[in-house]
PDB file of N, CA and C in Angstrom:
ATOM      1  N   MET A   1       0.941  -0.946  -0.251  1.00  0.00           N
ATOM      2  CA  MET A   1       0.208   0.104  -0.018  1.00  0.00           C
ATOM      3  C   MET A   1       0.999   1.594   0.335  1.00  0.00           C
ATOM      4  N   ALA A   2       0.728   2.265  -1.071  1.00  0.00           N
ATOM      5  CA  ALA A   2       1.188   3.503  -1.043  1.00  0.00           C
ATOM      6  C   ALA A   2       1.404   4.271   0.457  1.00  0.00           C
ATOM      7  N   PHE A   3       0.647   4.318   1.150  1.00  0.00           N
ATOM      8  CA  PHE A   3       0.482   4.801   1.998  1.00  0.00           C
ATOM      9  C   PHE A   3       0.544   4.713   3.353  1.00  0.00           C
ATOM     10  N   GLU A   4       0.827   3.448   3.242  1.00  0.00           N
ATOM     11  CA  GLU A   4       1.093   2.501   4.640  1.00  0.00           C
ATOM     12  C   GLU A   4       1.591   3.287   5.747  1.00  0.00           C
ATOM     13  N   TRP A   5       2.728   4.325   5.409  1.00  0.00           N
ATOM     14  CA  TRP A   5       3.342   5.162   6.526  1.00  0.00           C
ATOM     15  C   TRP A   5       2.572   6.065   7.267  1.00  0.00           C
ATOM     16  N   LEU A   6       1.283   6.534   6.421  1.00  0.00           N
ATOM     17  CA  LEU A   6       0.343   7.869   6.665  1.00  0.00           C
ATOM     18  C   LEU A   6      -0.467   6.675   7.827  1.00  0.00           C
ATOM     19  N   SER A   7      -0.887   5.638   7.404  1.00  0.00           N
ATOM     20  CA  SER A   7      -1.951   4.735   8.052  1.00  0.00           C
ATOM     21  C   SER A   7      -1.094   4.544   9.566  1.00  0.00           C
ATOM     22  N   LYS A   8       0.377   4.082   9.967  1.00  0.00           N
ATOM     23  CA  LYS A   8       0.897   3.837  10.873  1.00  0.00           C
ATOM     24  C   LYS A   8       1.267   4.904  11.714  1.00  0.00           C
ATOM     25  N   PHE A   9       1.664   6.239  11.078  1.00  0.00           N
ATOM     26  CA  PHE A   9       1.365   7.290  11.620  1.00  0.00           C
ATOM     27  C   PHE A   9       0.476   7.966  12.262  1.00  0.00           C
ATOM     28  N   HIS A  10      -0.632   7.948  11.441  1.00  0.00           N
ATOM     29  CA  HIS A  10      -2.277   8.221  12.423  1.00  0.00           C
ATOM     30  C   HIS A  10      -2.132   7.119  13.685  1.00  0.00           C
ATOM     31  N   LYS A  11      -2.061   5.934  13.572  1.00  0.00           N
ATOM     32  CA  LYS A  11      -2.636   5.261  14.566  1.00  0.00           C
ATOM     33  C   LYS A  11      -1.452   4.921  15.719  1.00  0.00           C
ATOM     34  N   GLU A  12      -0.446   5.757  15.386  1.00  0.00           N
ATOM     35  CA  GLU A  12       0.373   5.854  16.361  1.00  0.00           C
ATOM     36  C   GLU A  12       0.628   6.955  17.221  1.00  0.00           C
ATOM     37  N   MET A  13       0.204   8.001  16.623  1.00  0.00           N
ATOM     38  CA  MET A  13      -0.343   9.611  17.789  1.00  0.00           C
ATOM     39  C   MET A  13      -1.147   9.262  18.557  1.00  0.00           C
ATOM     40  N   GLU A  14      -0.936  10.293  19.450  1.00  0.00           N
ATOM     41  CA  GLU A  14      -1.848  10.421  20.501  1.00  0.00           C
ATOM     42  C   GLU A  14      -3.127  11.745  19.942  1.00  0.00           C
ATOM     43  N   LYS A  15      -4.142  11.132  20.271  1.00  0.00           N
ATOM     44  CA  LYS A  15      -5.547  11.806  20.026  1.00  0.00           C
ATOM     45  C   LYS A  15      -5.889  12.704  20.687  1.00  0.00           C
ATOM     46  N   PRO A  16      -5.999  14.030  20.073  1.00  0.00           N
ATOM     47  CA  PRO A  16      -6.183  15.397  21.107  1.00  0.00           C
ATOM     48  C   PRO A  16      -7.634  15.323  21.117  1.00  0.00           C
ATOM     49  N   ASP A  17      -7.914  16.339  22.512  1.00  0.00           N
ATOM     50  CA  ASP A  17      -9.052  15.608  22.544  1.00  0.00           C
ATOM     51  C   ASP A  17     -10.243  16.224  22.074  1.00  0.00           C
ATOM     52  N   ASN A  18     -10.083  16.900  20.562  1.00  0.00           N
ATOM     53  CA  ASN A  18     -11.170  16.871  19.878  1.00  0.00           C
ATOM     54  C   ASN A  18     -11.258  16.031  18.598  1.00  0.00           C
ATOM     55  N   TYR A  19     -10.270  14.994  18.644  1.00  0.00           N
ATOM     56  CA  TYR A  19     -10.090  14.159  17.571  1.00  0.00           C
ATOM     57  C   TYR A  19     -11.432  13.705  16.757  1.00  0.00           C
ATOM     58  N   ALA A  20     -12.482  13.112  17.132  1.00  0.00           N
ATOM     59  CA  ALA A  20     -14.047  12.911  16.914  1.00  0.00           C
ATOM     60  C   ALA A  20     -14.325  14.229  16.127  1.00  0.00           C
ATOM     61  N   GLU A  21     -14.545  15.165  16.786  1.00  0.00           N
ATOM     62  CA  GLU A  21     -15.314  16.131  16.056  1.00  0.00           C
ATOM     63  C   GLU A  21     -14.631  16.485  14.978  1.00  0.00           C
ATOM     64  N   LYS A  22     -13.131  17.171  15.192  1.00  0.00           N
ATOM     65  CA  LYS A  22     -12.535  17.873  13.752  1.00  0.00           C
ATOM     66  C   LYS A  22     -12.794  16.818  12.931  1.00  0.00           C
ATOM     67  N   THR A  23     -12.037  15.576  12.901  1.00  0.00           N
ATOM     68  CA  THR A  23     -11.908  14.870  11.714  1.00  0.00           C
ATOM     69  C   THR A  23     -13.489  14.424  11.138  1.00  0.00           C
ATOM     70  N   LEU A  24     -14.493  14.123  12.066  1.00  0.00           N
ATOM     71  CA  LEU A  24     -15.960  13.530  11.517  1.00  0.00           C
ATOM     72  C   LEU A  24     -15.966  14.846  10.862  1.00  0.00           C
ATOM     73  N   ALA A  25     -16.209  15.965  11.159  1.00  0.00           N
ATOM     74  CA  ALA A  25     -16.343  17.238  10.412  1.00  0.00           C
ATOM     75  C   ALA A  25     -15.652  17.308   9.017  1.00  0.00           C
ATOM     76  N   GLN A  26     -14.732  17.134   9.198  1.00  0.00           N
ATOM     77  CA  GLN A  26     -14.018  16.794   7.722  1.00  0.00           C
ATOM     78  C   GLN A  26     -14.825  15.975   6.753  1.00  0.00           C
ATOM     79  N   TYR A  27     -14.862  15.021   7.009  1.00  0.00           N
ATOM     80  CA  TYR A  27     -15.414  14.225   6.333  1.00  0.00           C
ATOM     81  C   TYR A  27     -17.304  14.636   6.418  1.00  0.00           C
ATOM     82  N   ARG A  28     -17.793  15.304   7.029  1.00  0.00           N
ATOM     83  CA  ARG A  28     -18.885  15.670   6.887  1.00  0.00           C
ATOM     84  C   ARG A  28     -18.876  16.872   6.028  1.00  0.00           C
ATOM     85  N   LEU A  29     -17.906  17.798   5.659  1.00  0.00           N
ATOM     86  CA  LEU A  29     -18.079  18.520   4.940  1.00  0.00           C
ATOM     87  C   LEU A  29     -17.600  17.893   3.255  1.00  0.00           C
ATOM     88  N   GLY A  30     -17.096  17.135   3.168  1.00  0.00           N
ATOM     89  CA  GLY A  30     -16.128  16.201   1.829  1.00  0.00           C
ATOM     90  C   GLY A  30     -17.998  15.555   1.422  1.00  0.00           C
ATOM     91  N   MET A  31     -18.629  14.989   2.173  1.00  0.00           N
ATOM     92  CA  MET A  31     -19.469  14.390   1.745  1.00  0.00           C
ATOM     93  C   MET A  31     -20.971  15.809   1.630  1.00  0.00           C
ATOM     94  N   LYS A  32     -20.941  16.788   2.063  1.00  0.00           N
ATOM     95  CA  LYS A  32     -21.785  18.165   1.967  1.00  0.00           C
ATOM     96  C   LYS A  32     -21.351  18.531   0.333  1.00  0.00           C
ATOM     97  N   ALA A  33     -19.935  18.419   0.088  1.00  0.00           N
ATOM     98  CA  ALA A  33     -19.375  18.934  -1.195  1.00  0.00           C
ATOM     99  C   ALA A  33     -19.828  17.781  -2.185  1.00  0.00           C
ATOM    100  N   LYS A  34     -20.419  17.105  -2.054  1.00  0.00           N
ATOM    101  CA  LYS A  34     -20.345  15.904  -3.107  1.00  0.00           C
ATOM    102  C   LYS A  34     -19.460  15.666  -3.992  1.00  0.00           C
ATOM    103  N   GLY A  35     -18.892  15.045  -3.069  1.00  0.00           N
ATOM    104  CA  GLY A  35     -17.443  14.586  -2.868  1.00  0.00           C
ATOM    105  C   GLY A  35     -17.244  13.063  -3.220  1.00  0.00           C
ATOM    106  N   SER A  36     -16.449  12.227  -3.430  1.00  0.00           N
ATOM    107  CA  SER A  36     -16.330  11.268  -3.222  1.00  0.00           C
ATOM    108  C   SER A  36     -16.647   9.908  -2.343  1.00  0.00           C
ATOM    109  N   ILE A  37     -16.910  10.889  -1.286  1.00  0.00           N
ATOM    110  CA  ILE A  37     -16.833  10.253   0.693  1.00  0.00           C
ATOM    111  C   ILE A  37     -18.299   9.834   0.500  1.00  0.00           C
ATOM    112  N   ALA A  38     -18.844   8.416   0.878  1.00  0.00           N
ATOM    113  CA  ALA A  38     -19.741   7.935   0.746  1.00  0.00           C
ATOM    114  C   ALA A  38     -19.993   8.104   2.681  1.00  0.00           C
ATOM    115  N   GLY A  39     -18.895   8.005   3.033  1.00  0.00           N
ATOM    116  CA  GLY A  39     -19.041   7.852   4.784  1.00  0.00           C
ATOM    117  C   GLY A  39     -17.603   7.442   5.839  1.00  0.00           C
ATOM    118  N   VAL A  40     -17.951   7.548   6.252  1.00  0.00           N
ATOM    119  CA  VAL A  40     -16.752   6.797   7.253  1.00  0.00           C
ATOM    120  C   VAL A  40     -16.515   5.175   8.094  1.00  0.00           C
ATOM    121  N   ARG A  41     -15.615   4.284   8.037  1.00  0.00           N
ATOM    122  CA  ARG A  41     -15.694   3.277   8.898  1.00  0.00           C
ATOM    123  C   ARG A  41     -14.597   3.389   9.911  1.00  0.00           C
ATOM    124  N   ILE A  42     -14.549   2.379  10.506  1.00  0.00           N
ATOM    125  CA  ILE A  42     -13.554   2.529  11.733  1.00  0.00           C
ATOM    126  C   ILE A  42     -12.264   1.498  11.486  1.00  0.00           C
ATOM    127  N   ALA A  43     -11.045   1.494  11.197  1.00  0.00           N
ATOM    128  CA  ALA A  43     -10.175   0.723  11.627  1.00  0.00           C
ATOM    129  C   ALA A  43      -9.730   0.727  12.932  1.00  0.00           C
ATOM    130  N   VAL A  44     -10.031  -0.531  13.003  1.00  0.00           N
ATOM    131  CA  VAL A  44      -9.980  -0.830  14.861  1.00  0.00           C
ATOM    132  C   VAL A  44      -8.598  -1.600  15.059  1.00  0.00           C
ATOM    133  N   ASP A  45      -8.431  -1.309  16.384  1.00  0.00           N
ATOM    134  CA  ASP A  45      -7.164  -1.632  16.620  1.00  0.00           C
ATOM    135  C   ASP A  45      -7.022  -3.102  17.075  1.00  0.00           C
ATOM    136  N   ALA A  46      -5.916  -3.890  16.469  1.00  0.00           N
ATOM    137  CA  ALA A  46      -6.470  -4.949  16.501  1.00  0.00           C
ATOM    138  C   ALA A  46      -5.600  -5.597  17.996  1.00  0.00           C
ATOM    139  N   ASP A  47      -4.665  -5.044  18.443  1.00  0.00           N
ATOM    140  CA  ASP A  47      -4.597  -4.938  20.236  1.00  0.00           C
ATOM    141  C   ASP A  47      -5.166  -4.160  21.144  1.00  0.00           C
ATOM    142  N   GLY A  48      -6.143  -3.562  20.313  1.00  0.00           N
ATOM    143  CA  GLY A  48      -7.167  -2.554  21.359  1.00  0.00           C
ATOM    144  C   GLY A  48      -7.931  -3.388  22.361  1.00  0.00           C
ATOM    145  N   CYS A  49      -8.464  -2.710  23.228  1.00  0.00           N
ATOM    146  CA  CYS A  49      -9.424  -3.081  24.253  1.00  0.00           C
ATOM    147  C   CYS A  49     -10.656  -3.836  23.806  1.00  0.00           C
ATOM    148  N   GLU A  50     -11.268  -4.579  24.936  1.00  0.00           N
ATOM    149  CA  GLU A  50     -12.361  -5.255  24.334  1.00  0.00           C
ATOM    150  C   GLU A  50     -13.452  -4.533  23.656  1.00  0.00           C
ATOM    151  N   ALA A  51     -14.078  -3.096  24.199  1.00  0.00           N
ATOM    152  CA  ALA A  51     -14.719  -2.220  23.805  1.00  0.00           C
ATOM    153  C   ALA A  51     -14.305  -2.017  22.387  1.00  0.00           C
ATOM    154  N   CYS A  52     -13.420  -1.412  21.961  1.00  0.00           N
ATOM    155  CA  CYS A  52     -13.035  -1.438  20.647  1.00  0.00           C
ATOM    156  C   CYS A  52     -12.793  -2.550  19.682  1.00  0.00           C
ATOM    157  N   ARG A  53     -12.246  -3.756  20.121  1.00  0.00           N
ATOM    158  CA  ARG A  53     -12.434  -4.883  18.952  1.00  0.00           C
ATOM    159  C   ARG A  53     -14.264  -5.229  18.948  1.00  0.00           C
ATOM    160  N   ALA A  54     -14.817  -5.009  19.738  1.00  0.00           N
ATOM    161  CA  ALA A  54     -16.607  -4.886  19.423  1.00  0.00           C
ATOM    162  C   ALA A  54     -16.741  -4.094  18.172  1.00  0.00           C
ATOM    163  N   LEU A  55     -16.073  -3.246  17.887  1.00  0.00           N
ATOM    164  CA  LEU A  55     -16.779  -2.452  16.998  1.00  0.00           C
ATOM    165  C   LEU A  55     -17.134  -3.268  15.476  1.00  0.00           C
ATOM    166  N   ASP A  56     -17.736  -3.050  14.894  1.00  0.00           N
ATOM    167  CA  ASP A  56     -17.575  -3.548  13.493  1.00  0.00           C
ATOM    168  C   ASP A  56     -16.946  -2.489  12.235  1.00  0.00           C
ATOM    169  N   GLU A  57     -15.936  -3.445  12.220  1.00  0.00           N
ATOM    170  CA  GLU A  57     -14.965  -2.725  11.052  1.00  0.00           C
ATOM    171  C   GLU A  57     -15.531  -2.724   9.440  1.00  0.00           C
ATOM    172  N   THR A  58     -16.821  -3.284   9.185  1.00  0.00           N
ATOM    173  CA  THR A  58     -17.308  -3.116   8.412  1.00  0.00           C
ATOM    174  C   THR A  58     -18.471  -2.218   7.969  1.00  0.00           C
ATOM    175  N   ALA A  59     -18.900  -1.720   8.802  1.00  0.00           N
ATOM    176  CA  ALA A  59     -19.775  -1.043   9.157  1.00  0.00           C
ATOM    177  C   ALA A  59     -19.544   0.447   8.652  1.00  0.00           C
ATOM    178  N   VAL A  60     -20.476   1.319   7.883  1.00  0.00           N
ATOM    179  CA  VAL A  60     -20.085   2.630   7.456  1.00  0.00           C
ATOM    180  C   VAL A  60     -21.395   3.560   7.835  1.00  0.00           C
ATOM    181  N   TYR A  61     -20.788   4.481   8.778  1.00  0.00           N
ATOM    182  CA  TYR A  61     -21.446   5.529   9.122  1.00  0.00           C
ATOM    183  C   TYR A  61     -21.332   6.667   8.508  1.00  0.00           C
ATOM    184  N   HIS A  62     -22.347   7.502   8.888  1.00  0.00           N
ATOM    185  CA  HIS A  62     -22.627   9.013   8.478  1.00  0.00           C
ATOM    186  C   HIS A  62     -21.692   9.610   9.452  1.00  0.00           C
ATOM    187  N   PRO A  63     -20.873  10.253   9.060  1.00  0.00           N
ATOM    188  CA  PRO A  63     -19.966  11.233  10.185  1.00  0.00           C
ATOM    189  C   PRO A  63     -20.934  11.295  11.112  1.00  0.00           C
ATOM    190  N   ASP A  64     -22.453  12.161  11.201  1.00  0.00           N
ATOM    191  CA  ASP A  64     -23.014  12.529  12.721  1.00  0.00           C
ATOM    192  C   ASP A  64     -23.464  10.871  13.507  1.00  0.00           C
ATOM    193  N   ASP A  65     -23.231  10.150  12.759  1.00  0.00           N
ATOM    194  CA  ASP A  65     -23.933   9.041  13.657  1.00  0.00           C
ATOM    195  C   ASP A  65     -22.796   7.839  13.846  1.00  0.00           C
ATOM    196  N   ALA A  66     -21.598   8.391  13.746  1.00  0.00           N
ATOM    197  CA  ALA A  66     -20.325   7.637  14.029  1.00  0.00           C
ATOM    198  C   ALA A  66     -19.673   7.744  15.403  1.00  0.00           C
ATOM    199  N   PRO A  67     -19.328   6.140  15.971  1.00  0.00           N
ATOM    200  CA  PRO A  67     -18.944   6.867  17.360  1.00  0.00           C
ATOM    201  C   PRO A  67     -17.895   7.673  17.933  1.00  0.00           C
ATOM    202  N   HIS A  68     -17.616   7.964  18.849  1.00  0.00           N
ATOM    203  CA  HIS A  68     -16.734   8.602  19.039  1.00  0.00           C
ATOM    204  C   HIS A  68     -15.706   8.199  19.706  1.00  0.00           C
ATOM    205  N   LEU A  69     -14.544   8.580  18.773  1.00  0.00           N
ATOM    206  CA  LEU A  69     -13.162   7.905  19.369  1.00  0.00           C
ATOM    207  C   LEU A  69     -12.115   9.009  20.086  1.00  0.00           C
ATOM    208  N   PRO A  70     -11.800   8.582  21.147  1.00  0.00           N
ATOM    209  CA  PRO A  70     -11.467   7.191  21.549  1.00  0.00           C
ATOM    210  C   PRO A  70     -12.602   7.148  22.168  1.00  0.00           C
ATOM    211  N   LEU A  71     -13.375   5.671  22.190  1.00  0.00           N
ATOM    212  CA  LEU A  71     -14.197   5.269  23.049  1.00  0.00           C
ATOM    213  C   LEU A  71     -14.756   5.703  24.365  1.00  0.00           C
ATOM    214  N   PRO A  72     -15.622   5.945  25.474  1.00  0.00           N
ATOM    215  CA  PRO A  72     -15.286   6.463  26.516  1.00  0.00           C
ATOM    216  C   PRO A  72     -15.050   5.344  27.561  1.00  0.00           C
ATOM    217  N   THR A  73     -15.071   3.875  26.910  1.00  0.00           N
ATOM    218  CA  THR A  73     -14.659   3.030  28.148  1.00  0.00           C
ATOM    219  C   THR A  73     -13.553   2.071  27.047  1.00  0.00           C
ATOM    220  N   CYS A  74     -12.980   2.824  26.284  1.00  0.00           N
ATOM    221  CA  CYS A  74     -11.744   2.751  26.023  1.00  0.00           C
ATOM    222  C   CYS A  74     -10.448   2.836  27.227  1.00  0.00           C
ATOM    223  N   SER A  75     -10.034   1.315  27.178  1.00  0.00           N
ATOM    224  CA  SER A  75      -8.851   1.482  28.341  1.00  0.00           C
ATOM    225  C   SER A  75      -7.317   2.218  27.358  1.00  0.00           C
ATOM    226  N   LYS A  76      -7.274   2.468  26.819  1.00  0.00           N
ATOM    227  CA  LYS A  76      -6.005   3.203  26.042  1.00  0.00           C
ATOM    228  C   LYS A  76      -6.225   4.402  26.037  1.00  0.00           C
ATOM    229  N   GLY A  77      -7.760   5.253  26.144  1.00  0.00           N
ATOM    230  CA  GLY A  77      -8.083   6.719  26.141  1.00  0.00           C
ATOM    231  C   GLY A  77      -7.096   7.188  24.706  1.00  0.00           C
ATOM    232  N   ARG A  78      -6.674   8.985  25.362  1.00  0.00           N
ATOM    233  CA  ARG A  78      -6.210   9.060  23.915  1.00  0.00           C
ATOM    234  C   ARG A  78      -4.840   8.436  23.244  1.00  0.00           C
ATOM    235  N   HIS A  79      -4.801   7.313  23.583  1.00  0.00           N
ATOM    236  CA  HIS A  79      -3.492   6.328  22.769  1.00  0.00           C
ATOM    237  C   HIS A  79      -4.204   5.248  22.065  1.00  0.00           C
ATOM    238  N   CYS A  80      -5.743   5.248  22.072  1.00  0.00           N
ATOM    239  CA  CYS A  80      -6.155   4.010  21.184  1.00  0.00           C
ATOM    240  C   CYS A  80      -5.600   4.352  20.140  1.00  0.00           C
ATOM    241  N   GLN A  81      -5.431   3.124  19.052  1.00  0.00           N
ATOM    242  CA  GLN A  81      -5.212   2.953  17.822  1.00  0.00           C
ATOM    243  C   GLN A  81      -6.155   2.810  17.112  1.00  0.00           C
ATOM    244  N   CYS A  82      -7.465   3.003  17.403  1.00  0.00           N
ATOM    245  CA  CYS A  82      -8.488   3.051  16.244  1.00  0.00           C
ATOM    246  C   CYS A  82      -8.512   4.450  15.679  1.00  0.00           C
ATOM    247  N   VAL A  83      -8.826   4.269  14.275  1.00  0.00           N
ATOM    248  CA  VAL A  83      -8.902   5.804  13.413  1.00  0.00           C
ATOM    249  C   VAL A  83     -10.102   5.689  12.440  1.00  0.00           C
ATOM    250  N   TYR A  84     -10.768   6.961  12.231  1.00  0.00           N
ATOM    251  CA  TYR A  84     -11.623   7.075  11.229  1.00  0.00           C
ATOM    252  C   TYR A  84     -10.933   6.837   9.927  1.00  0.00           C
ATOM    253  N   ARG A  85     -11.552   5.981   8.871  1.00  0.00           N
ATOM    254  CA  ARG A  85     -11.193   6.257   7.528  1.00  0.00           C
ATOM    255  C   ARG A  85     -12.086   6.386   6.805  1.00  0.00           C
ATOM    256  N   PRO A  86     -12.160   7.346   5.699  1.00  0.00           N
ATOM    257  CA  PRO A  86     -13.374   7.405   4.571  1.00  0.00           C
ATOM    258  C   PRO A  86     -13.635   6.427   3.436  1.00  0.00           C
ATOM    259  N   VAL A  87     -14.602   6.415   3.730  1.00  0.00           N
ATOM    260  CA  VAL A  87     -15.308   5.212   2.598  1.00  0.00           C
ATOM    261  C   VAL A  87     -15.508   6.064   1.204  1.00  0.00           C
ATOM    262  N   MET A  88     -15.096   5.383   0.242  1.00  0.00           N
ATOM    263  CA  MET A  88     -15.155   6.474  -1.314  1.00  0.00           C
ATOM    264  C   MET A  88     -16.545   5.619  -1.984  1.00  0.00           C
ATOM    265  N   THR A  89     -17.570   6.430  -2.702  1.00  0.00           N
ATOM    266  CA  THR A  89     -18.715   6.005  -3.109  1.00  0.00           C
ATOM    267  C   THR A  89     -18.403   4.844  -4.166  1.00  0.00           C
ATOM    268  N   TYR A  90     -16.958   4.516  -4.609  1.00  0.00           N
ATOM    269  CA  TYR A  90     -16.525   3.484  -5.858  1.00  0.00           C
ATOM    270  C   TYR A  90     -16.639   2.461  -4.666  1.00  0.00           C
ATOM    271  N   GLU A  91     -16.304   2.463  -3.498  1.00  0.00           N
ATOM    272  CA  GLU A  91     -16.610   1.433  -2.419  1.00  0.00           C
ATOM    273  C   GLU A  91     -17.930   0.595  -2.594  1.00  0.00           C
ATOM    274  N   THR A  92     -18.841   1.701  -2.536  1.00  0.00           N
ATOM    275  CA  THR A  92     -20.331   1.537  -1.989  1.00  0.00           C
ATOM    276  C   THR A  92     -20.911   0.909  -3.630  1.00  0.00           C
ATOM    277  N   ASP A  93     -20.546   1.092  -4.775  1.00  0.00           N
ATOM    278  CA  ASP A  93     -21.118   0.994  -5.547  1.00  0.00           C
ATOM    279  C   ASP A  93     -21.840  -0.471  -5.720  1.00  0.00           C
ATOM    280  N   ASN A  94     -22.424  -0.800  -6.324  1.00  0.00           N
ATOM    281  CA  ASN A  94     -22.974  -2.343  -6.773  1.00  0.00           C
ATOM    282  C   ASN A  94     -22.754  -2.307  -8.098  1.00  0.00           C
ATOM    283  N   SER A  95     -22.572  -1.297  -9.056  1.00  0.00           N
ATOM    284  CA  SER A  95     -22.675  -1.614 -10.565  1.00  0.00           C
ATOM    285  C   SER A  95     -21.514  -2.018 -10.743  1.00  0.00           C
TER     286      SER A  95
END
C-alpha cells in the first residue's frame, strides 16, 4: 500500500481531545460538497481493548452517527489506535 506510512503514523499518534469532532467534521464537509466520500469506517486496533474490538469494522457510518473515538470505555484513552477512514463512493457502488 502506497500510504502505509500514513496509516501507521495516524495510529501511533496521541489523539487530541477534539479528534472525533474535528475528523468527522472534515468528512462531513467532504460529503456535503458532493465529493467522493460516502461515509466513514473505523479501522479497529487489533491489539485494542474489548470495547474497540467489539466495533464492526465493516460498518459505514454517516459522520453524524459514527461512534466518537476514543470510545469512552477504551482502556487506552487518547492512545487508542482506532482511527476513522473514509469510505469512497466507488467502494459502495454495486454496479
